[in-house]
Amino acid sequence: MNGRDLRDAGLARVAMGREDWLAYARSVAVEVAEATGQVTINEVRERVELPADYHPNTWGAVLKGDTFEAIGYCQATHPSAHARVVRVYKLKEQA
């Protein structure tokens, strides 16, 4: 397995049983992207609360999939991220 496969497997594990929460968080991300042309996990975190019993890596599953396309980078805004880089996304064009 390569690094990408390991990442994707880990995201799949944290997403199991959390499909309703992920659907809600993704709908918020779509709203932000429709309103502003782009979205980061920063905006989603401002609007959606992660349940206390969910692993923090669950955030990583929110913007994965066929809805969003990465277009750039910015810094994370929550203090525990220690200013790490996060991706900026836009909605993918629908064929």
C-alpha atoms as a PDB file:
ATOM      1  CA  MET A   1       0.000   0.000   0.000  1.00  0.00           C
ATOM      2  CA  ASN A   2       1.211   3.495  -0.735  1.00  0.00           C
ATOM      3  CA  GLY A   3       0.620   6.601   1.372  1.00  0.00           C
ATOM      4  CA  ARG A   4      -2.490   7.659  -0.529  1.00  0.00           C
ATOM      5  CA  ASP A   5      -4.047   4.212  -0.090  1.00  0.00           C
ATOM      6  CA  LEU A   6      -3.310   4.280   3.648  1.00  0.00           C
ATOM      7  CA  ARG A   7      -4.846   7.756   3.942  1.00  0.00           C
ATOM      8  CA  ASP A   8      -7.974   6.735   2.059  1.00  0.00           C
ATOM      9  CA  ALA A   9      -8.359   3.574   4.140  1.00  0.00           C
ATOM     10  CA  GLY A  10      -8.045   5.605   7.338  1.00  0.00           C
ATOM     11  CA  LEU A  11     -10.652   8.112   6.170  1.00  0.00           C
ATOM     12  CA  ALA A  12     -12.998   5.268   5.246  1.00  0.00           C
ATOM     13  CA  ARG A  13     -12.606   3.829   8.760  1.00  0.00           C
ATOM     14  CA  VAL A  14     -13.405   7.108  10.541  1.00  0.00           C
ATOM     15  CA  ALA A  15     -16.374   7.693   8.204  1.00  0.00           C
ATOM     16  CA  MET A  16     -18.079   4.365   8.992  1.00  0.00           C
ATOM     17  CA  GLY A  17     -21.236   4.935  11.006  1.00  0.00           C
ATOM     18  CA  ARG A  18     -20.957   8.690  10.557  1.00  0.00           C
ATOM     19  CA  GLU A  19     -22.649   8.981   7.173  1.00  0.00           C
ATOM     20  CA  ASP A  20     -25.433  11.281   8.389  1.00  0.00           C
ATOM     21  CA  TRP A  21     -22.989  13.688  10.020  1.00  0.00           C
ATOM     22  CA  LEU A  22     -20.756  13.639   6.930  1.00  0.00           C
ATOM     23  CA  ALA A  23     -23.731  14.315   4.649  1.00  0.00           C
ATOM     24  CA  TYR A  24     -24.661  17.319   6.783  1.00  0.00           C
ATOM     25  CA  ALA A  25     -21.082  18.647   6.901  1.00  0.00           C
ATOM     26  CA  ARG A  26     -20.784  18.217   3.125  1.00  0.00           C
ATOM     27  CA  SER A  27     -24.063  20.070   2.572  1.00  0.00           C
ATOM     28  CA  VAL A  28     -22.664  22.973   4.577  1.00  0.00           C
ATOM     29  CA  ALA A  29     -19.489  22.856   2.468  1.00  0.00           C
ATOM     30  CA  VAL A  30     -21.582  22.948  -0.726  1.00  0.00           C
ATOM     31  CA  GLU A  31     -23.522  25.975   0.573  1.00  0.00           C
ATOM     32  CA  VAL A  32     -20.283  27.840   1.303  1.00  0.00           C
ATOM     33  CA  ALA A  33     -18.803  26.928  -2.089  1.00  0.00           C
ATOM     34  CA  GLU A  34     -21.964  28.003  -3.912  1.00  0.00           C
ATOM     35  CA  ALA A  35     -21.998  31.326  -2.066  1.00  0.00           C
ATOM     36  CA  THR A  36     -18.294  32.174  -2.327  1.00  0.00           C
ATOM     37  CA  GLY A  37     -16.913  30.049  -5.158  1.00  0.00           C
ATOM     38  CA  GLN A  38     -14.668  28.053  -2.844  1.00  0.00           C
ATOM     39  CA  VAL A  39     -14.546  26.328   0.532  1.00  0.00           C
ATOM     40  CA  THR A  40     -11.997  25.058   3.036  1.00  0.00           C
ATOM     41  CA  ILE A  41     -12.424  22.886   6.075  1.00  0.00           C
ATOM     42  CA  ASN A  42     -11.999  26.125   8.062  1.00  0.00           C
ATOM     43  CA  GLU A  43     -15.448  27.360   7.020  1.00  0.00           C
ATOM     44  CA  VAL A  44     -17.046  23.984   7.672  1.00  0.00           C
ATOM     45  CA  ARG A  45     -15.499  23.798  11.164  1.00  0.00           C
ATOM     46  CA  GLU A  46     -16.953  27.245  11.949  1.00  0.00           C
ATOM     47  CA  ARG A  47     -20.471  26.027  11.132  1.00  0.00           C
ATOM     48  CA  VAL A  48     -20.514  22.343  12.126  1.00  0.00           C
ATOM     49  CA  GLU A  49     -19.649  20.801  15.464  1.00  0.00           C
ATOM     50  CA  LEU A  50     -17.771  17.509  15.537  1.00  0.00           C
ATOM     51  CA  PRO A  51     -19.418  15.215  18.095  1.00  0.00           C
ATOM     52  CA  ALA A  52     -17.183  14.554  21.097  1.00  0.00           C
ATOM     53  CA  ASP A  53     -17.015  10.817  20.388  1.00  0.00           C
ATOM     54  CA  TYR A  54     -15.842  11.296  16.759  1.00  0.00           C
ATOM     55  CA  HIS A  55     -12.139  11.085  15.963  1.00  0.00           C
ATOM     56  CA  PRO A  56     -10.753  14.450  14.750  1.00  0.00           C
ATOM     57  CA  ASN A  57      -9.614  12.758  11.530  1.00  0.00           C
ATOM     58  CA  THR A  58     -13.292  12.602  10.570  1.00  0.00           C
ATOM     59  CA  TRP A  59     -12.874  16.202   9.354  1.00  0.00           C
ATOM     60  CA  GLY A  60     -10.605  14.833   6.644  1.00  0.00           C
ATOM     61  CA  ALA A  61     -13.461  12.888   5.057  1.00  0.00           C
ATOM     62  CA  VAL A  62     -15.737  15.918   4.608  1.00  0.00           C
ATOM     63  CA  LEU A  63     -14.246  17.310   1.393  1.00  0.00           C
ATOM     64  CA  LYS A  64     -13.259  13.974  -0.159  1.00  0.00           C
ATOM     65  CA  GLY A  65     -15.238  12.406  -2.980  1.00  0.00           C
ATOM     66  CA  ASP A  66     -16.683  13.504  -6.291  1.00  0.00           C
ATOM     67  CA  THR A  67     -18.241  16.811  -5.228  1.00  0.00           C
ATOM     68  CA  PHE A  68     -15.139  18.933  -4.623  1.00  0.00           C
ATOM     69  CA  GLU A  69     -11.959  19.698  -6.558  1.00  0.00           C
ATOM     70  CA  ALA A  70      -8.810  21.033  -4.886  1.00  0.00           C
ATOM     71  CA  ILE A  71      -7.687  24.381  -6.314  1.00  0.00           C
ATOM     72  CA  GLY A  72      -5.163  25.714  -3.819  1.00  0.00           C
ATOM     73  CA  TYR A  73      -3.953  25.943  -0.240  1.00  0.00           C
ATOM     74  CA  CYS A  74      -4.278  28.161   2.818  1.00  0.00           C
ATOM     75  CA  GLN A  75      -3.549  27.882   6.534  1.00  0.00           C
ATOM     76  CA  ALA A  76      -5.848  26.162   8.980  1.00  0.00           C
ATOM     77  CA  THR A  77      -7.456  28.619  11.371  1.00  0.00           C
ATOM     78  CA  HIS A  78      -8.188  26.501  14.457  1.00  0.00           C
ATOM     79  CA  PRO A  79      -5.397  26.785  17.045  1.00  0.00           C
ATOM     80  CA  SER A  80      -4.813  23.063  17.489  1.00  0.00           C
ATOM     81  CA  ALA A  81      -3.796  22.846  13.800  1.00  0.00           C
ATOM     82  CA  HIS A  82      -0.623  24.828  14.525  1.00  0.00           C
ATOM     83  CA  ALA A  83      -1.115  26.794  11.260  1.00  0.00           C
ATOM     84  CA  ARG A  84      -0.792  23.714   9.042  1.00  0.00           C
ATOM     85  CA  VAL A  85      -1.740  23.956   5.396  1.00  0.00           C
ATOM     86  CA  VAL A  86      -5.235  22.904   4.272  1.00  0.00           C
ATOM     87  CA  ARG A  87      -6.637  22.683   0.777  1.00  0.00           C
ATOM     88  CA  VAL A  88      -9.012  25.134  -0.855  1.00  0.00           C
ATOM     89  CA  TYR A  89     -11.748  23.464  -2.923  1.00  0.00           C
ATOM     90  CA  LYS A  90     -14.349  24.421  -5.485  1.00  0.00           C
ATOM     91  CA  LEU A  91     -17.359  22.461  -6.623  1.00  0.00           C
ATOM     92  CA  LYS A  92     -16.563  20.121  -9.492  1.00  0.00           C
ATOM     93  CA  GLU A  93     -18.217  20.880 -12.802  1.00  0.00           C
ATOM     94  CA  GLN A  94     -21.130  18.514 -13.391  1.00  0.00           C
ATOM     95  CA  ALA A  95     -21.175  16.871 -16.814  1.00  0.00           C
END
